[in-house]
């Protein structure tokens, strides 16, 4: 599996940031996506590579948490390289359970 997704960063709903895990949301130029899920990957922003947790969600919503990035990426181009499938996309019953799962996902992405 090897996918490259590129696009400009657009404003999302701010939910990731609210949970403590800000994401970049992409208006993807790419037309081919992997199945919905959570992936380990690399993000390139301003010619700098970051390890990333990448979400391919319903309706082709693409977002990524760039590990150790805390700048303003709005309107910038980002290239996401998907490396490995972590798990299926799913809804969680509570924010607490979602946060616990995100922490596990990010730990795996940091080590990949």
PDB file of N, CA and C in Angstrom:
ATOM      1  N   UNK A   1       0.834  -1.169   0.000  1.00  0.00           N
ATOM      2  CA  UNK A   1       0.000   0.000   0.000  1.00  0.00           C
ATOM      3  C   UNK A   1       0.883   1.238   0.000  1.00  0.00           C
ATOM      4  N   UNK A   2       0.669   2.089  -0.969  1.00  0.00           N
ATOM      5  CA  UNK A   2       1.434   3.328  -1.013  1.00  0.00           C
ATOM      6  C   UNK A   2       0.553   4.402  -1.637  1.00  0.00           C
ATOM      7  N   UNK A   3       0.173   5.357  -0.823  1.00  0.00           N
ATOM      8  CA  UNK A   3      -0.653   6.458  -1.300  1.00  0.00           C
ATOM      9  C   UNK A   3       0.032   7.777  -0.967  1.00  0.00           C
ATOM     10  N   UNK A   4      -0.061   8.707  -1.876  1.00  0.00           N
ATOM     11  CA  UNK A   4       0.387  10.082  -1.662  1.00  0.00           C
ATOM     12  C   UNK A   4      -0.860  10.948  -1.829  1.00  0.00           C
ATOM     13  N   UNK A   5      -1.149  11.749  -0.811  1.00  0.00           N
ATOM     14  CA  UNK A   5      -2.297  12.654  -0.861  1.00  0.00           C
ATOM     15  C   UNK A   5      -1.768  14.067  -0.650  1.00  0.00           C
ATOM     16  N   UNK A   6      -2.102  14.950  -1.559  1.00  0.00           N
ATOM     17  CA  UNK A   6      -1.643  16.325  -1.415  1.00  0.00           C
ATOM     18  C   UNK A   6      -2.827  17.271  -1.509  1.00  0.00           C
ATOM     19  N   UNK A   7      -2.633  18.442  -0.918  1.00  0.00           N
ATOM     20  CA  UNK A   7      -3.683  19.450  -0.979  1.00  0.00           C
ATOM     21  C   UNK A   7      -3.368  20.618  -0.083  1.00  0.00           C
ATOM     22  N   UNK A   8      -4.238  21.597  -0.135  1.00  0.00           N
ATOM     23  CA  UNK A   8      -4.089  22.783   0.709  1.00  0.00           C
ATOM     24  C   UNK A   8      -4.824  22.561   2.019  1.00  0.00           C
ATOM     25  N   UNK A   9      -4.260  23.143   3.074  1.00  0.00           N
ATOM     26  CA  UNK A   9      -4.879  23.040   4.396  1.00  0.00           C
ATOM     27  C   UNK A   9      -6.063  24.005   4.459  1.00  0.00           C
ATOM     28  N   UNK A  10      -7.195  23.465   4.869  1.00  0.00           N
ATOM     29  CA  UNK A  10      -8.419  24.245   5.019  1.00  0.00           C
ATOM     30  C   UNK A  10      -8.860  24.214   6.476  1.00  0.00           C
ATOM     31  N   UNK A  11      -9.758  25.096   6.813  1.00  0.00           N
ATOM     32  CA  UNK A  11     -10.272  25.160   8.178  1.00  0.00           C
ATOM     33  C   UNK A  11     -11.171  23.952   8.422  1.00  0.00           C
ATOM     34  N   UNK A  12     -10.918  23.257   9.533  1.00  0.00           N
ATOM     35  CA  UNK A  12     -11.775  22.150   9.926  1.00  0.00           C
ATOM     36  C   UNK A  12     -12.742  22.608  11.005  1.00  0.00           C
ATOM     37  N   UNK A  13     -13.292  21.646  11.713  1.00  0.00           N
ATOM     38  CA  UNK A  13     -14.252  21.995  12.761  1.00  0.00           C
ATOM     39  C   UNK A  13     -13.592  22.261  14.114  1.00  0.00           C
ATOM     40  N   UNK A  14     -12.277  22.058  14.206  1.00  0.00           N
ATOM     41  CA  UNK A  14     -11.555  22.349  15.445  1.00  0.00           C
ATOM     42  C   UNK A  14     -11.673  21.272  16.508  1.00  0.00           C
ATOM     43  N   UNK A  15     -12.279  20.133  16.173  1.00  0.00           N
ATOM     44  CA  UNK A  15     -12.506  19.087  17.169  1.00  0.00           C
ATOM     45  C   UNK A  15     -11.203  18.465  17.650  1.00  0.00           C
ATOM     46  N   UNK A  16     -10.273  18.206  16.732  1.00  0.00           N
ATOM     47  CA  UNK A  16      -8.978  17.641  17.128  1.00  0.00           C
ATOM     48  C   UNK A  16      -8.248  18.559  18.091  1.00  0.00           C
ATOM     49  N   UNK A  17      -8.250  19.838  17.787  1.00  0.00           N
ATOM     50  CA  UNK A  17      -7.604  20.827  18.660  1.00  0.00           C
ATOM     51  C   UNK A  17      -8.271  20.856  20.027  1.00  0.00           C
ATOM     52  N   UNK A  18      -9.597  20.782  20.039  1.00  0.00           N
ATOM     53  CA  UNK A  18     -10.351  20.772  21.296  1.00  0.00           C
ATOM     54  C   UNK A  18      -9.938  19.581  22.170  1.00  0.00           C
ATOM     55  N   UNK A  19      -9.663  18.453  21.516  1.00  0.00           N
ATOM     56  CA  UNK A  19      -9.272  17.238  22.247  1.00  0.00           C
ATOM     57  C   UNK A  19      -7.798  17.246  22.645  1.00  0.00           C
ATOM     58  N   UNK A  20      -7.030  18.210  22.119  1.00  0.00           N
ATOM     59  CA  UNK A  20      -5.601  18.277  22.423  1.00  0.00           C
ATOM     60  C   UNK A  20      -4.716  17.689  21.342  1.00  0.00           C
ATOM     61  N   UNK A  21      -5.294  17.391  20.191  1.00  0.00           N
ATOM     62  CA  UNK A  21      -4.564  16.797  19.071  1.00  0.00           C
ATOM     63  C   UNK A  21      -4.918  17.544  17.792  1.00  0.00           C
ATOM     64  N   UNK A  22      -4.366  18.742  17.600  1.00  0.00           N
ATOM     65  CA  UNK A  22      -4.734  19.513  16.410  1.00  0.00           C
ATOM     66  C   UNK A  22      -4.358  18.785  15.129  1.00  0.00           C
ATOM     67  N   UNK A  23      -5.178  18.990  14.118  1.00  0.00           N
ATOM     68  CA  UNK A  23      -4.939  18.348  12.830  1.00  0.00           C
ATOM     69  C   UNK A  23      -4.941  19.382  11.721  1.00  0.00           C
ATOM     70  N   UNK A  24      -4.316  19.014  10.614  1.00  0.00           N
ATOM     71  CA  UNK A  24      -4.472  19.776   9.383  1.00  0.00           C
ATOM     72  C   UNK A  24      -5.536  19.044   8.566  1.00  0.00           C
ATOM     73  N   UNK A  25      -6.478  19.782   8.046  1.00  0.00           N
ATOM     74  CA  UNK A  25      -7.538  19.238   7.202  1.00  0.00           C
ATOM     75  C   UNK A  25      -7.223  19.624   5.768  1.00  0.00           C
ATOM     76  N   UNK A  26      -7.294  18.654   4.873  1.00  0.00           N
ATOM     77  CA  UNK A  26      -6.878  18.911   3.493  1.00  0.00           C
ATOM     78  C   UNK A  26      -8.049  19.007   2.534  1.00  0.00           C
ATOM     79  N   UNK A  27      -7.931  19.966   1.644  1.00  0.00           N
ATOM     80  CA  UNK A  27      -8.757  20.005   0.447  1.00  0.00           C
ATOM     81  C   UNK A  27      -7.913  19.253  -0.583  1.00  0.00           C
ATOM     82  N   UNK A  28      -8.111  17.966  -0.645  1.00  0.00           N
ATOM     83  CA  UNK A  28      -7.210  17.087  -1.396  1.00  0.00           C
ATOM     84  C   UNK A  28      -7.308  17.303  -2.898  1.00  0.00           C
ATOM     85  N   UNK A  29      -6.133  17.415  -3.521  1.00  0.00           N
ATOM     86  CA  UNK A  29      -6.027  17.464  -4.978  1.00  0.00           C
ATOM     87  C   UNK A  29      -6.047  16.043  -5.529  1.00  0.00           C
ATOM     88  N   UNK A  30      -5.618  15.119  -4.707  1.00  0.00           N
ATOM     89  CA  UNK A  30      -5.508  13.712  -5.075  1.00  0.00           C
ATOM     90  C   UNK A  30      -6.906  13.114  -5.202  1.00  0.00           C
ATOM     91  N   UNK A  31      -7.088  12.215  -6.137  1.00  0.00           N
ATOM     92  CA  UNK A  31      -8.404  11.603  -6.357  1.00  0.00           C
ATOM     93  C   UNK A  31      -8.492  10.165  -5.857  1.00  0.00           C
ATOM     94  N   UNK A  32      -7.342   9.538  -5.607  1.00  0.00           N
ATOM     95  CA  UNK A  32      -7.343   8.135  -5.177  1.00  0.00           C
ATOM     96  C   UNK A  32      -6.910   8.053  -3.719  1.00  0.00           C
ATOM     97  N   UNK A  33      -7.783   7.433  -2.912  1.00  0.00           N
ATOM     98  CA  UNK A  33      -7.536   7.339  -1.479  1.00  0.00           C
ATOM     99  C   UNK A  33      -7.574   5.881  -1.022  1.00  0.00           C
ATOM    100  N   UNK A  34      -6.895   5.600   0.081  1.00  0.00           N
ATOM    101  CA  UNK A  34      -7.036   4.268   0.670  1.00  0.00           C
ATOM    102  C   UNK A  34      -8.405   4.174   1.344  1.00  0.00           C
ATOM    103  N   UNK A  35      -8.786   2.987   1.792  1.00  0.00           N
ATOM    104  CA  UNK A  35     -10.056   2.843   2.510  1.00  0.00           C
ATOM    105  C   UNK A  35     -10.062   3.691   3.785  1.00  0.00           C
ATOM    106  N   UNK A  36     -11.262   4.051   4.249  1.00  0.00           N
ATOM    107  CA  UNK A  36     -11.380   4.794   5.494  1.00  0.00           C
ATOM    108  C   UNK A  36     -10.597   4.090   6.588  1.00  0.00           C
ATOM    109  N   UNK A  37      -9.870   4.871   7.373  1.00  0.00           N
ATOM    110  CA  UNK A  37      -9.104   4.281   8.463  1.00  0.00           C
ATOM    111  C   UNK A  37      -8.098   5.259   9.021  1.00  0.00           C
ATOM    112  N   UNK A  38      -7.319   4.761   9.964  1.00  0.00           N
ATOM    113  CA  UNK A  38      -6.258   5.519  10.606  1.00  0.00           C
ATOM    114  C   UNK A  38      -4.936   4.918  10.129  1.00  0.00           C
ATOM    115  N   UNK A  39      -4.022   5.795   9.720  1.00  0.00           N
ATOM    116  CA  UNK A  39      -2.779   5.353   9.094  1.00  0.00           C
ATOM    117  C   UNK A  39      -1.567   6.034   9.724  1.00  0.00           C
ATOM    118  N   UNK A  40      -0.440   5.343   9.666  1.00  0.00           N
ATOM    119  CA  UNK A  40       0.868   5.903  10.002  1.00  0.00           C
ATOM    120  C   UNK A  40       1.404   6.517   8.721  1.00  0.00           C
ATOM    121  N   UNK A  41       1.978   7.704   8.836  1.00  0.00           N
ATOM    122  CA  UNK A  41       2.510   8.305   7.628  1.00  0.00           C
ATOM    123  C   UNK A  41       3.504   9.411   7.896  1.00  0.00           C
ATOM    124  N   UNK A  42       3.856  10.058   6.812  1.00  0.00           N
ATOM    125  CA  UNK A  42       4.770  11.196   6.824  1.00  0.00           C
ATOM    126  C   UNK A  42       4.022  12.372   6.206  1.00  0.00           C
ATOM    127  N   UNK A  43       4.185  13.528   6.809  1.00  0.00           N
ATOM    128  CA  UNK A  43       3.625  14.753   6.241  1.00  0.00           C
ATOM    129  C   UNK A  43       4.780  15.685   5.898  1.00  0.00           C
ATOM    130  N   UNK A  44       4.688  16.315   4.749  1.00  0.00           N
ATOM    131  CA  UNK A  44       5.686  17.305   4.350  1.00  0.00           C
ATOM    132  C   UNK A  44       4.983  18.654   4.288  1.00  0.00           C
ATOM    133  N   UNK A  45       5.484  19.580   5.098  1.00  0.00           N
ATOM    134  CA  UNK A  45       4.941  20.932   5.178  1.00  0.00           C
ATOM    135  C   UNK A  45       6.112  21.898   5.230  1.00  0.00           C
ATOM    136  N   UNK A  46       6.129  22.871   4.357  1.00  0.00           N
ATOM    137  CA  UNK A  46       7.239  23.834   4.279  1.00  0.00           C
ATOM    138  C   UNK A  46       8.591  23.124   4.136  1.00  0.00           C
ATOM    139  N   UNK A  47       8.613  22.057   3.327  1.00  0.00           N
ATOM    140  CA  UNK A  47       9.822  21.270   3.060  1.00  0.00           C
ATOM    141  C   UNK A  47      10.389  20.570   4.299  1.00  0.00           C
ATOM    142  N   UNK A  48       9.595  20.425   5.328  1.00  0.00           N
ATOM    143  CA  UNK A  48      10.008  19.708   6.542  1.00  0.00           C
ATOM    144  C   UNK A  48       9.126  18.475   6.670  1.00  0.00           C
ATOM    145  N   UNK A  49       9.764  17.327   6.985  1.00  0.00           N
ATOM    146  CA  UNK A  49       9.030  16.081   7.164  1.00  0.00           C
ATOM    147  C   UNK A  49       8.656  15.893   8.635  1.00  0.00           C
ATOM    148  N   UNK A  50       7.409  15.489   8.848  1.00  0.00           N
ATOM    149  CA  UNK A  50       6.903  15.187  10.187  1.00  0.00           C
ATOM    150  C   UNK A  50       6.292  13.796  10.169  1.00  0.00           C
ATOM    151  N   UNK A  51       6.488  13.060  11.239  1.00  0.00           N
ATOM    152  CA  UNK A  51       5.718  11.835  11.389  1.00  0.00           C
ATOM    153  C   UNK A  51       4.281  12.261  11.634  1.00  0.00           C
ATOM    154  N   UNK A  52       3.349  11.457  11.144  1.00  0.00           N
ATOM    155  CA  UNK A  52       1.953  11.886  11.222  1.00  0.00           C
ATOM    156  C   UNK A  52       1.010  10.710  11.414  1.00  0.00           C
ATOM    157  N   UNK A  53      -0.056  10.993  12.125  1.00  0.00           N
ATOM    158  CA  UNK A  53      -1.205  10.102  12.185  1.00  0.00           C
ATOM    159  C   UNK A  53      -2.211  10.654  11.193  1.00  0.00           C
ATOM    160  N   UNK A  54      -2.600   9.847  10.231  1.00  0.00           N
ATOM    161  CA  UNK A  54      -3.453  10.306   9.140  1.00  0.00           C
ATOM    162  C   UNK A  54      -4.814   9.631   9.232  1.00  0.00           C
ATOM    163  N   UNK A  55      -5.860  10.441   9.113  1.00  0.00           N
ATOM    164  CA  UNK A  55      -7.231   9.939   9.150  1.00  0.00           C
ATOM    165  C   UNK A  55      -7.838  10.093   7.764  1.00  0.00           C
ATOM    166  N   UNK A  56      -8.287   8.974   7.210  1.00  0.00           N
ATOM    167  CA  UNK A  56      -9.105   9.002   6.008  1.00  0.00           C
ATOM    168  C   UNK A  56     -10.500   8.645   6.497  1.00  0.00           C
ATOM    169  N   UNK A  57     -11.363   9.654   6.553  1.00  0.00           N
ATOM    170  CA  UNK A  57     -12.675   9.465   7.142  1.00  0.00           C
ATOM    171  C   UNK A  57     -13.780   9.363   6.113  1.00  0.00           C
ATOM    172  N   UNK A  58     -14.992   9.220   6.625  1.00  0.00           N
ATOM    173  CA  UNK A  58     -16.152   9.158   5.730  1.00  0.00           C
ATOM    174  C   UNK A  58     -16.215  10.387   4.828  1.00  0.00           C
ATOM    175  N   UNK A  59     -16.752  10.197   3.645  1.00  0.00           N
ATOM    176  CA  UNK A  59     -16.880  11.263   2.649  1.00  0.00           C
ATOM    177  C   UNK A  59     -15.523  11.840   2.242  1.00  0.00           C
ATOM    178  N   UNK A  60     -14.498  11.012   2.325  1.00  0.00           N
ATOM    179  CA  UNK A  60     -13.141  11.384   1.897  1.00  0.00           C
ATOM    180  C   UNK A  60     -12.595  12.594   2.651  1.00  0.00           C
ATOM    181  N   UNK A  61     -12.951  12.685   3.914  1.00  0.00           N
ATOM    182  CA  UNK A  61     -12.384  13.728   4.771  1.00  0.00           C
ATOM    183  C   UNK A  61     -10.967  13.289   5.133  1.00  0.00           C
ATOM    184  N   UNK A  62      -9.986  14.131   4.798  1.00  0.00           N
ATOM    185  CA  UNK A  62      -8.584  13.802   5.038  1.00  0.00           C
ATOM    186  C   UNK A  62      -8.024  14.793   6.051  1.00  0.00           C
ATOM    187  N   UNK A  63      -7.487  14.251   7.140  1.00  0.00           N
ATOM    188  CA  UNK A  63      -6.832  15.106   8.127  1.00  0.00           C
ATOM    189  C   UNK A  63      -5.656  14.355   8.735  1.00  0.00           C
ATOM    190  N   UNK A  64      -4.725  15.129   9.285  1.00  0.00           N
ATOM    191  CA  UNK A  64      -3.529  14.506   9.849  1.00  0.00           C
ATOM    192  C   UNK A  64      -3.046  15.299  11.055  1.00  0.00           C
ATOM    193  N   UNK A  65      -2.582  14.566  12.054  1.00  0.00           N
ATOM    194  CA  UNK A  65      -1.911  15.174  13.211  1.00  0.00           C
ATOM    195  C   UNK A  65      -0.420  15.060  12.940  1.00  0.00           C
ATOM    196  N   UNK A  66       0.237  16.207  12.802  1.00  0.00           N
ATOM    197  CA  UNK A  66       1.677  16.244  12.547  1.00  0.00           C
ATOM    198  C   UNK A  66       2.395  16.272  13.890  1.00  0.00           C
ATOM    199  N   UNK A  67       3.118  15.221  14.176  1.00  0.00           N
ATOM    200  CA  UNK A  67       3.784  15.083  15.467  1.00  0.00           C
ATOM    201  C   UNK A  67       4.895  16.123  15.587  1.00  0.00           C
ATOM    202  N   UNK A  68       4.865  16.850  16.673  1.00  0.00           N
ATOM    203  CA  UNK A  68       5.822  17.924  17.008  1.00  0.00           C
ATOM    204  C   UNK A  68       5.678  19.174  16.129  1.00  0.00           C
ATOM    205  N   UNK A  69       4.521  19.357  15.502  1.00  0.00           N
ATOM    206  CA  UNK A  69       4.265  20.588  14.759  1.00  0.00           C
ATOM    207  C   UNK A  69       3.234  21.400  15.521  1.00  0.00           C
ATOM    208  N   UNK A  70       3.495  22.692  15.677  1.00  0.00           N
ATOM    209  CA  UNK A  70       2.507  23.525  16.372  1.00  0.00           C
ATOM    210  C   UNK A  70       2.367  24.904  15.737  1.00  0.00           C
ATOM    211  N   UNK A  71       2.581  24.990  14.443  1.00  0.00           N
ATOM    212  CA  UNK A  71       2.461  26.261  13.740  1.00  0.00           C
ATOM    213  C   UNK A  71       1.089  26.439  13.111  1.00  0.00           C
ATOM    214  N   UNK A  72       0.981  27.441  12.276  1.00  0.00           N
ATOM    215  CA  UNK A  72      -0.244  27.730  11.544  1.00  0.00           C
ATOM    216  C   UNK A  72      -0.054  27.266  10.101  1.00  0.00           C
ATOM    217  N   UNK A  73      -0.777  26.251   9.705  1.00  0.00           N
ATOM    218  CA  UNK A  73      -0.604  25.667   8.371  1.00  0.00           C
ATOM    219  C   UNK A  73      -1.702  26.080   7.393  1.00  0.00           C
ATOM    220  N   UNK A  74      -2.639  26.902   7.805  1.00  0.00           N
ATOM    221  CA  UNK A  74      -3.756  27.251   6.927  1.00  0.00           C
ATOM    222  C   UNK A  74      -3.277  27.788   5.589  1.00  0.00           C
ATOM    223  N   UNK A  75      -3.912  27.267   4.543  1.00  0.00           N
ATOM    224  CA  UNK A  75      -3.672  27.651   3.151  1.00  0.00           C
ATOM    225  C   UNK A  75      -2.329  27.170   2.607  1.00  0.00           C
ATOM    226  N   UNK A  76      -1.561  26.451   3.399  1.00  0.00           N
ATOM    227  CA  UNK A  76      -0.287  25.914   2.907  1.00  0.00           C
ATOM    228  C   UNK A  76      -0.524  24.548   2.268  1.00  0.00           C
ATOM    229  N   UNK A  77       0.396  24.162   1.392  1.00  0.00           N
ATOM    230  CA  UNK A  77       0.300  22.840   0.762  1.00  0.00           C
ATOM    231  C   UNK A  77       0.951  21.805   1.664  1.00  0.00           C
ATOM    232  N   UNK A  78       0.282  20.672   1.797  1.00  0.00           N
ATOM    233  CA  UNK A  78       0.802  19.545   2.571  1.00  0.00           C
ATOM    234  C   UNK A  78       0.758  18.307   1.684  1.00  0.00           C
ATOM    235  N   UNK A  79       1.816  17.506   1.795  1.00  0.00           N
ATOM    236  CA  UNK A  79       1.854  16.210   1.116  1.00  0.00           C
ATOM    237  C   UNK A  79       1.881  15.141   2.191  1.00  0.00           C
ATOM    238  N   UNK A  80       0.931  14.222   2.116  1.00  0.00           N
ATOM    239  CA  UNK A  80       0.852  13.109   3.060  1.00  0.00           C
ATOM    240  C   UNK A  80       1.252  11.823   2.349  1.00  0.00           C
ATOM    241  N   UNK A  81       2.154  11.092   2.957  1.00  0.00           N
ATOM    242  CA  UNK A  81       2.558   9.786   2.431  1.00  0.00           C
ATOM    243  C   UNK A  81       2.094   8.731   3.422  1.00  0.00           C
ATOM    244  N   UNK A  82       1.175   7.901   2.973  1.00  0.00           N
ATOM    245  CA  UNK A  82       0.629   6.863   3.840  1.00  0.00           C
ATOM    246  C   UNK A  82       1.547   5.652   3.799  1.00  0.00           C
ATOM    247  N   UNK A  83       1.964   5.225   5.003  1.00  0.00           N
ATOM    248  CA  UNK A  83       2.938   4.136   5.119  1.00  0.00           C
ATOM    249  C   UNK A  83       2.324   2.818   5.576  1.00  0.00           C
ATOM    250  N   UNK A  84       1.411   2.912   6.552  1.00  0.00           N
ATOM    251  CA  UNK A  84       0.935   1.681   7.199  1.00  0.00           C
ATOM    252  C   UNK A  84      -0.466   1.880   7.761  1.00  0.00           C
ATOM    253  N   UNK A  85      -1.302   0.869   7.601  1.00  0.00           N
ATOM    254  CA  UNK A  85      -2.653   0.880   8.160  1.00  0.00           C
ATOM    255  C   UNK A  85      -2.584   0.575   9.662  1.00  0.00           C
ATOM    256  N   UNK A  86      -3.232   1.409  10.471  1.00  0.00           N
ATOM    257  CA  UNK A  86      -3.272   1.156  11.915  1.00  0.00           C
ATOM    258  C   UNK A  86      -4.557   0.470  12.345  1.00  0.00           C
ATOM    259  N   UNK A  87      -5.683   1.060  11.950  1.00  0.00           N
ATOM    260  CA  UNK A  87      -6.972   0.509  12.372  1.00  0.00           C
ATOM    261  C   UNK A  87      -8.096   1.099  11.524  1.00  0.00           C
ATOM    262  N   UNK A  88      -9.254   0.484  11.625  1.00  0.00           N
ATOM    263  CA  UNK A  88     -10.432   0.990  10.933  1.00  0.00           C
ATOM    264  C   UNK A  88     -10.916   2.274  11.596  1.00  0.00           C
ATOM    265  N   UNK A  89     -11.562   3.116  10.805  1.00  0.00           N
ATOM    266  CA  UNK A  89     -12.184   4.332  11.320  1.00  0.00           C
ATOM    267  C   UNK A  89     -13.428   3.918  12.086  1.00  0.00           C
ATOM    268  N   UNK A  90     -13.619   4.498  13.275  1.00  0.00           N
ATOM    269  CA  UNK A  90     -14.844   4.191  14.022  1.00  0.00           C
ATOM    270  C   UNK A  90     -15.218   5.354  14.917  1.00  0.00           C
ATOM    271  N   UNK A  91     -16.468   5.389  15.289  1.00  0.00           N
ATOM    272  CA  UNK A  91     -16.973   6.401  16.222  1.00  0.00           C
ATOM    273  C   UNK A  91     -16.799   5.848  17.631  1.00  0.00           C
ATOM    274  N   UNK A  92     -16.521   6.738  18.585  1.00  0.00           N
ATOM    275  CA  UNK A  92     -16.369   6.337  19.976  1.00  0.00           C
ATOM    276  C   UNK A  92     -17.539   6.851  20.789  1.00  0.00           C
ATOM    277  N   UNK A  93     -17.894   6.099  21.830  1.00  0.00           N
ATOM    278  CA  UNK A  93     -19.055   6.462  22.649  1.00  0.00           C
ATOM    279  C   UNK A  93     -18.780   7.657  23.549  1.00  0.00           C
ATOM    280  N   UNK A  94     -17.508   7.841  23.935  1.00  0.00           N
ATOM    281  CA  UNK A  94     -17.173   8.979  24.797  1.00  0.00           C
ATOM    282  C   UNK A  94     -15.886   9.634  24.303  1.00  0.00           C
ATOM    283  N   UNK A  95     -15.729  10.916  24.624  1.00  0.00           N
ATOM    284  CA  UNK A  95     -14.489  11.607  24.271  1.00  0.00           C
ATOM    285  C   UNK A  95     -13.309  10.996  25.011  1.00  0.00           C
ATOM    286  N   UNK A  96     -13.535  10.539  26.232  1.00  0.00           N
ATOM    287  CA  UNK A  96     -12.463   9.933  27.021  1.00  0.00           C
ATOM    288  C   UNK A  96     -11.889   8.712  26.301  1.00  0.00           C
ATOM    289  N   UNK A  97     -12.765   7.866  25.747  1.00  0.00           N
ATOM    290  CA  UNK A  97     -12.305   6.675  25.017  1.00  0.00           C
ATOM    291  C   UNK A  97     -11.601   7.071  23.725  1.00  0.00           C
ATOM    292  N   UNK A  98     -12.112   8.100  23.061  1.00  0.00           N
ATOM    293  CA  UNK A  98     -11.484   8.577  21.840  1.00  0.00           C
ATOM    294  C   UNK A  98     -10.080   9.118  22.128  1.00  0.00           C
ATOM    295  N   UNK A  99      -9.948   9.921  23.170  1.00  0.00           N
ATOM    296  CA  UNK A  99      -8.639  10.475  23.536  1.00  0.00           C
ATOM    297  C   UNK A  99      -7.649   9.365  23.874  1.00  0.00           C
ATOM    298  N   UNK A 100      -8.098   8.363  24.611  1.00  0.00           N
ATOM    299  CA  UNK A 100      -7.223   7.233  24.949  1.00  0.00           C
ATOM    300  C   UNK A 100      -6.739   6.520  23.686  1.00  0.00           C
ATOM    301  N   UNK A 101      -7.635   6.343  22.708  1.00  0.00           N
ATOM    302  CA  UNK A 101      -7.258   5.672  21.461  1.00  0.00           C
ATOM    303  C   UNK A 101      -6.310   6.539  20.642  1.00  0.00           C
ATOM    304  N   UNK A 102      -6.565   7.847  20.591  1.00  0.00           N
ATOM    305  CA  UNK A 102      -5.675   8.750  19.846  1.00  0.00           C
ATOM    306  C   UNK A 102      -4.269   8.700  20.435  1.00  0.00           C
ATOM    307  N   UNK A 103      -4.165   8.681  21.745  1.00  0.00           N
ATOM    308  CA  UNK A 103      -2.841   8.601  22.388  1.00  0.00           C
ATOM    309  C   UNK A 103      -2.104   7.336  21.955  1.00  0.00           C
ATOM    310  N   UNK A 104      -2.825   6.214  21.897  1.00  0.00           N
ATOM    311  CA  UNK A 104      -2.209   4.950  21.444  1.00  0.00           C
ATOM    312  C   UNK A 104      -1.768   5.057  19.985  1.00  0.00           C
ATOM    313  N   UNK A 105      -2.643   5.634  19.160  1.00  0.00           N
ATOM    314  CA  UNK A 105      -2.339   5.778  17.732  1.00  0.00           C
ATOM    315  C   UNK A 105      -1.090   6.649  17.535  1.00  0.00           C
ATOM    316  N   UNK A 106      -1.028   7.776  18.249  1.00  0.00           N
ATOM    317  CA  UNK A 106       0.102   8.689  18.080  1.00  0.00           C
ATOM    318  C   UNK A 106       1.387   8.039  18.546  1.00  0.00           C
ATOM    319  N   UNK A 107       1.316   7.254  19.608  1.00  0.00           N
ATOM    320  CA  UNK A 107       2.514   6.544  20.083  1.00  0.00           C
ATOM    321  C   UNK A 107       3.041   5.627  18.986  1.00  0.00           C
ATOM    322  N   UNK A 108       2.148   4.894  18.330  1.00  0.00           N
ATOM    323  CA  UNK A 108       2.570   4.011  17.235  1.00  0.00           C
ATOM    324  C   UNK A 108       3.141   4.810  16.066  1.00  0.00           C
ATOM    325  N   UNK A 109       2.512   5.941  15.760  1.00  0.00           N
ATOM    326  CA  UNK A 109       2.998   6.785  14.649  1.00  0.00           C
ATOM    327  C   UNK A 109       4.372   7.366  14.966  1.00  0.00           C
ATOM    328  N   UNK A 110       4.612   7.686  16.228  1.00  0.00           N
ATOM    329  CA  UNK A 110       5.901   8.257  16.645  1.00  0.00           C
ATOM    330  C   UNK A 110       7.034   7.252  16.528  1.00  0.00           C
ATOM    331  N   UNK A 111       6.706   5.981  16.657  1.00  0.00           N
ATOM    332  CA  UNK A 111       7.722   4.937  16.662  1.00  0.00           C
ATOM    333  C   UNK A 111       7.969   4.347  15.284  1.00  0.00           C
ATOM    334  N   UNK A 112       7.094   4.667  14.353  1.00  0.00           N
ATOM    335  CA  UNK A 112       7.191   4.035  13.012  1.00  0.00           C
ATOM    336  C   UNK A 112       8.338   4.625  12.209  1.00  0.00           C
TER     337      UNK A 112
END
